[in-house]
């Protein structure tokens, strides 16, 4: 089993920034891709960004140029730097992890992620 613990959510004004962190523990040898998904009220959970063990990252079109995902393998932690936040970015953000090829460049389907954190709320006020 892998445990994922998110931190860094909160309330921010439009145009502001937040950084989310997700620390993995447990059987981390079983995962090599980590990332972030979000779910707004009344909407389906969607990919925000994921990064494979080889360093390749995939972003949702809606966050490209504003969000940056990174990972610290020594700390088993993945980060999401969110800049130029918009009210439509308001959602619960979930950390996820799974087993993917090191240089995977696909869409990281929600159903293919093996582990999930409990989520952290990000609220962007206008």
Foldseek 3Di string as FASTA:
>chain_A
DKAKDKDWADEEAAQAKIKMKIFIDDPCVQWFKKAKWWDDPPGDIAGAKMAGNLGDMDGDPVQPPFWDWDDDVVRRMIMIIGGRDDQVVWTWMKMFTHHDPRHDDDRPDPVRTDDIYPTDTHGYHD
